[in-house]
Protein backbone atom coordinates (compact mmCIF):
# COMPACT_ATOMS: atom_id res chain seq x y z
CA UNK A 1 4.58 15.92 65.56
CA UNK A 2 6.97 16.04 62.62
CA UNK A 3 9.15 18.50 64.52
CA UNK A 4 9.39 16.10 67.47
CA UNK A 5 10.35 13.23 65.14
CA UNK A 6 13.07 15.35 63.50
CA UNK A 7 14.44 16.34 66.90
CA UNK A 8 14.48 12.69 68.04
CA UNK A 9 16.44 11.64 64.93
CA UNK A 10 18.90 14.51 65.29
CA UNK A 11 19.36 14.22 69.06
CA UNK A 12 18.63 10.64 70.10
CA UNK A 13 20.55 10.76 73.37
CA UNK A 14 18.70 13.72 74.98
CA UNK A 15 15.44 12.36 73.60
CA UNK A 16 16.19 9.00 75.23
CA UNK A 17 16.96 10.67 78.57
CA UNK A 18 13.71 12.64 78.55
CA UNK A 19 11.73 9.57 77.53
CA UNK A 20 13.21 7.47 80.35
CA UNK A 21 12.67 10.24 82.91
CA UNK A 22 9.07 10.74 81.85
CA UNK A 23 8.23 7.04 81.72
CA UNK A 24 9.80 6.27 85.09
CA UNK A 25 8.05 9.25 86.72
CA UNK A 26 4.70 8.31 85.18
CA UNK A 27 5.16 4.70 86.25
CA UNK A 28 5.96 5.70 89.81
CA UNK A 29 2.96 8.06 89.99
CA UNK A 30 0.65 5.35 88.61
CA UNK A 31 2.02 2.77 91.05
CA UNK A 32 1.44 5.15 93.97
CA UNK A 33 -2.12 5.85 92.85
CA UNK A 34 -2.92 2.15 92.48
CA UNK A 35 -1.41 1.27 95.84
CA UNK A 36 -2.96 4.14 97.81
CA UNK A 37 -6.25 4.48 95.96
CA UNK A 38 -7.88 7.44 94.23
CA UNK A 39 -7.97 10.73 96.09
CA UNK A 40 -4.81 10.10 98.13
CA UNK A 41 -1.88 12.47 97.95
CA UNK A 42 1.05 11.46 95.80
CA UNK A 43 4.58 11.41 97.19
CA UNK A 44 6.17 13.77 94.66
CA UNK A 45 9.53 13.57 96.41
CA UNK A 46 9.70 9.85 95.65
CA UNK A 47 8.58 10.47 92.05
CA UNK A 48 11.33 13.09 91.64
CA UNK A 49 13.91 10.62 92.97
CA UNK A 50 12.75 7.89 90.59
CA UNK A 51 12.85 10.33 87.65
CA UNK A 52 16.32 11.50 88.67
CA UNK A 53 17.65 7.93 88.70
CA UNK A 54 16.14 7.42 85.24
CA UNK A 55 17.65 10.66 83.91
CA UNK A 56 21.11 10.15 85.38
CA UNK A 57 21.60 6.40 85.02
CA UNK A 58 18.97 4.37 83.18
CA UNK A 59 18.61 6.63 80.14
CA UNK A 60 22.37 6.88 79.67
CA UNK A 61 23.06 3.22 80.40
CA UNK A 62 20.35 1.98 78.04
CA UNK A 63 21.43 4.30 75.25
CA UNK A 64 25.09 3.28 75.43
CA UNK A 65 24.38 -0.41 76.13
CA UNK A 66 21.93 -0.88 73.25
CA UNK A 67 24.15 1.00 70.79
CA UNK A 68 27.04 -1.22 71.86
CA UNK A 69 24.94 -4.34 71.38
CA UNK A 70 23.94 -3.15 67.92
CA UNK A 71 27.61 -2.61 66.99
CA UNK A 72 28.64 -5.96 68.45
CA UNK A 73 25.73 -7.90 66.92
CA UNK A 74 24.53 -5.93 63.89
CA UNK A 75 21.47 -6.77 61.85
CA UNK A 76 17.82 -7.70 62.11
CA UNK A 77 18.05 -11.37 61.27
CA UNK A 78 16.24 -13.58 63.80
CA UNK A 79 19.49 -15.03 65.14
CA UNK A 80 21.04 -11.57 65.64
CA UNK A 81 17.89 -10.31 67.40
CA UNK A 82 17.82 -13.39 69.63
CA UNK A 83 21.49 -12.91 70.53
CA UNK A 84 20.86 -9.24 71.39
CA UNK A 85 17.86 -10.11 73.56
CA UNK A 86 19.81 -12.83 75.39
CA UNK A 87 22.78 -10.52 76.01
CA UNK A 88 20.46 -7.78 77.21
CA UNK A 89 18.60 -10.10 79.59
CA UNK A 90 21.71 -11.84 80.92
CA UNK A 91 24.02 -8.82 81.25
CA UNK A 92 22.21 -5.51 80.80
CA UNK A 93 19.04 -6.20 82.79
CA UNK A 94 20.81 -7.29 86.01
CA UNK A 95 23.00 -4.16 85.91
CA UNK A 96 19.96 -1.91 85.39
CA UNK A 97 17.92 -3.60 88.14
CA UNK A 98 20.83 -3.47 90.57
CA UNK A 99 21.34 0.23 89.88
CA UNK A 100 17.64 0.94 90.33
CA UNK A 101 17.41 -0.76 93.72
CA UNK A 102 20.75 0.64 94.90
C-alpha cells in the first residue's frame, strides 16, 4: 500500500487517469447489473467505451481543470473552497457532462 501511495504522489496524472477509468468502468458494470438483474450478461463493449471516455477525456480534463482552479483560487479557507466548488459546478461540470453524453 505504501508503494501505491508513493507512486500516486510521484505520478498524479497517470494515477488520476487509471482511477477515472476504473471508477467509470465499475460504475457502468454496476449500473448494468442493477438494471438487468443478477445472472444477466454484461455488455462489456459498452463498459469498454465508458472506460475509454474516462481515460481519454474525463481523467485529463478533471486533472487539468482542478489544478487550474487551485492555482486560480488557492487555499483551504471556507470562502476559497466555496468559490472553487461554485466554479466547478457552474463551468467544469457542464463541460464534463456534455462530453460524456456526446
